[in-house]
Amino acid sequence: MTAREYIAKRVGPFKRPFLPLGLVGVACVFALLGRDSPIVLLPFVFIGPAIVLFIIGNFRMICPCCGKHLHMYLGGNASPQGLPPSVKFCPFCGVDFDTELREDKANPH
């Protein structure tokens, strides 16, 4: 397993639902504009969990070799599958994300 695959495996379950939940929430906002009823709070049922999943997914994006968080390094370039292809190595320890991990590094945490 490569470091890129390891990170995608850790991040994917949290990042994949983000976009559909967010889109449904935004669609609800536009559908309910101008209404004066409690149903106006409906978009937050979708947008709230989407934001929480996005944040959890970002904090699960760690280097499998040094254990440092990569979300600050990536900024807005993170994809729902984990690392974008343009990111080739860890800025902290220098490990190449496309090389195979040793067996003892595949599950450091």
Protein backbone atom coordinates (compact mmCIF):
# COMPACT_ATOMS: atom_id res chain seq x y z
CA MET A 1 0.00 0.00 0.00
CA THR A 2 1.34 3.43 -0.90
CA ALA A 3 1.17 6.43 1.43
CA ARG A 4 -1.35 8.02 -0.93
CA GLU A 5 -3.62 4.96 -0.68
CA TYR A 6 -3.25 4.91 3.10
CA ILE A 7 -4.31 8.57 3.36
CA ALA A 8 -7.24 8.04 0.97
CA LYS A 9 -8.39 5.09 3.08
CA ARG A 10 -8.35 7.24 6.25
CA VAL A 11 -9.96 10.34 4.71
CA GLY A 12 -12.41 8.97 2.12
CA PRO A 13 -15.29 7.90 4.37
CA PHE A 14 -15.46 11.39 5.87
CA LYS A 15 -14.91 13.48 2.73
CA ARG A 16 -17.16 11.63 0.25
CA PRO A 17 -20.52 12.59 1.86
CA PHE A 18 -19.45 16.24 2.21
CA LEU A 19 -20.32 17.35 -1.31
CA PRO A 20 -23.80 15.72 -1.58
CA LEU A 21 -24.82 16.97 1.87
CA GLY A 22 -23.55 20.45 1.10
CA LEU A 23 -25.33 20.59 -2.27
CA VAL A 24 -28.63 19.45 -0.76
CA GLY A 25 -28.26 22.07 1.96
CA VAL A 26 -27.57 24.85 -0.54
CA ALA A 27 -30.50 23.69 -2.70
CA CYS A 28 -32.73 23.88 0.38
CA VAL A 29 -31.54 27.42 1.07
CA PHE A 30 -32.53 28.56 -2.42
CA ALA A 31 -35.85 26.67 -2.30
CA LEU A 32 -36.82 28.24 1.01
CA LEU A 33 -35.76 31.84 0.40
CA GLY A 34 -38.38 34.33 1.50
CA ARG A 35 -40.44 31.95 3.63
CA ASP A 36 -41.39 32.86 7.19
CA SER A 37 -41.72 29.49 8.84
CA PRO A 38 -39.55 27.18 10.96
CA ILE A 39 -38.86 25.04 7.89
CA VAL A 40 -36.28 27.67 6.92
CA LEU A 41 -33.93 25.86 9.36
CA LEU A 42 -34.04 22.72 7.18
CA PRO A 43 -30.82 23.53 5.26
CA PHE A 44 -28.83 23.41 8.48
CA VAL A 45 -29.82 19.75 8.86
CA PHE A 46 -27.67 19.09 5.79
CA ILE A 47 -25.04 21.83 5.93
CA GLY A 48 -24.11 21.23 9.59
CA PRO A 49 -23.14 17.56 9.16
CA ALA A 50 -21.38 18.38 5.88
CA ILE A 51 -19.14 20.89 7.65
CA VAL A 52 -18.44 18.49 10.53
CA LEU A 53 -17.51 15.66 8.12
CA PHE A 54 -15.24 18.00 6.17
CA ILE A 55 -13.39 19.07 9.31
CA ILE A 56 -13.03 15.50 10.61
CA GLY A 57 -11.76 14.37 7.20
CA ASN A 58 -9.15 17.13 7.20
CA PHE A 59 -7.84 16.19 10.62
CA ARG A 60 -7.54 12.53 9.58
CA MET A 61 -5.18 13.50 6.76
CA ILE A 62 -1.83 12.63 8.35
CA CYS A 63 1.47 11.39 6.96
CA PRO A 64 1.80 7.64 7.65
CA CYS A 65 5.54 7.99 8.28
CA CYS A 66 5.93 11.02 10.56
CA GLY A 67 2.34 11.42 11.83
CA LYS A 68 2.15 15.15 11.04
CA HIS A 69 -1.12 16.68 9.88
CA LEU A 70 -1.19 17.56 6.18
CA HIS A 71 -4.42 19.58 6.03
CA MET A 72 -2.65 22.89 6.72
CA TYR A 73 -0.09 22.17 4.01
CA LEU A 74 -2.74 21.37 1.40
CA GLY A 75 -5.03 24.31 2.07
CA GLY A 76 -7.99 24.14 -0.32
CA ASN A 77 -6.30 21.66 -2.65
CA ALA A 78 -7.46 18.52 -0.84
CA SER A 79 -9.74 16.29 -2.86
CA PRO A 80 -12.53 14.04 -1.55
CA GLN A 81 -10.27 11.06 -2.16
CA GLY A 82 -7.40 12.42 -0.06
CA LEU A 83 -4.29 13.90 -1.62
CA PRO A 84 -4.41 15.53 -5.04
CA PRO A 85 -2.00 14.04 -7.61
CA SER A 86 0.06 17.24 -7.63
CA VAL A 87 1.23 16.61 -4.04
CA LYS A 88 4.19 14.25 -4.35
CA PHE A 89 5.89 14.21 -0.93
CA CYS A 90 5.43 15.05 2.75
CA PRO A 91 6.76 18.55 3.53
CA PHE A 92 7.78 17.44 7.02
CA CYS A 93 9.65 14.14 6.53
CA GLY A 94 10.11 14.09 2.74
CA VAL A 95 8.57 10.65 2.13
CA ASP A 96 7.30 10.13 -1.43
CA PHE A 97 3.55 9.46 -1.33
CA ASP A 98 3.71 7.13 -4.34
CA THR A 99 6.22 4.62 -2.96
CA GLU A 100 5.19 1.47 -1.16
CA LEU A 101 5.11 1.70 2.63
CA ARG A 102 6.93 -0.80 4.76
CA GLU A 103 4.59 -3.13 6.64
CA ASP A 104 5.37 -1.52 10.01
CA LYS A 105 4.60 1.97 8.59
CA ALA A 106 1.25 0.99 7.07
CA ASN A 107 -0.53 1.27 10.44
CA PRO A 108 1.40 3.67 12.65
CA HIS A 109 -1.57 5.01 14.62
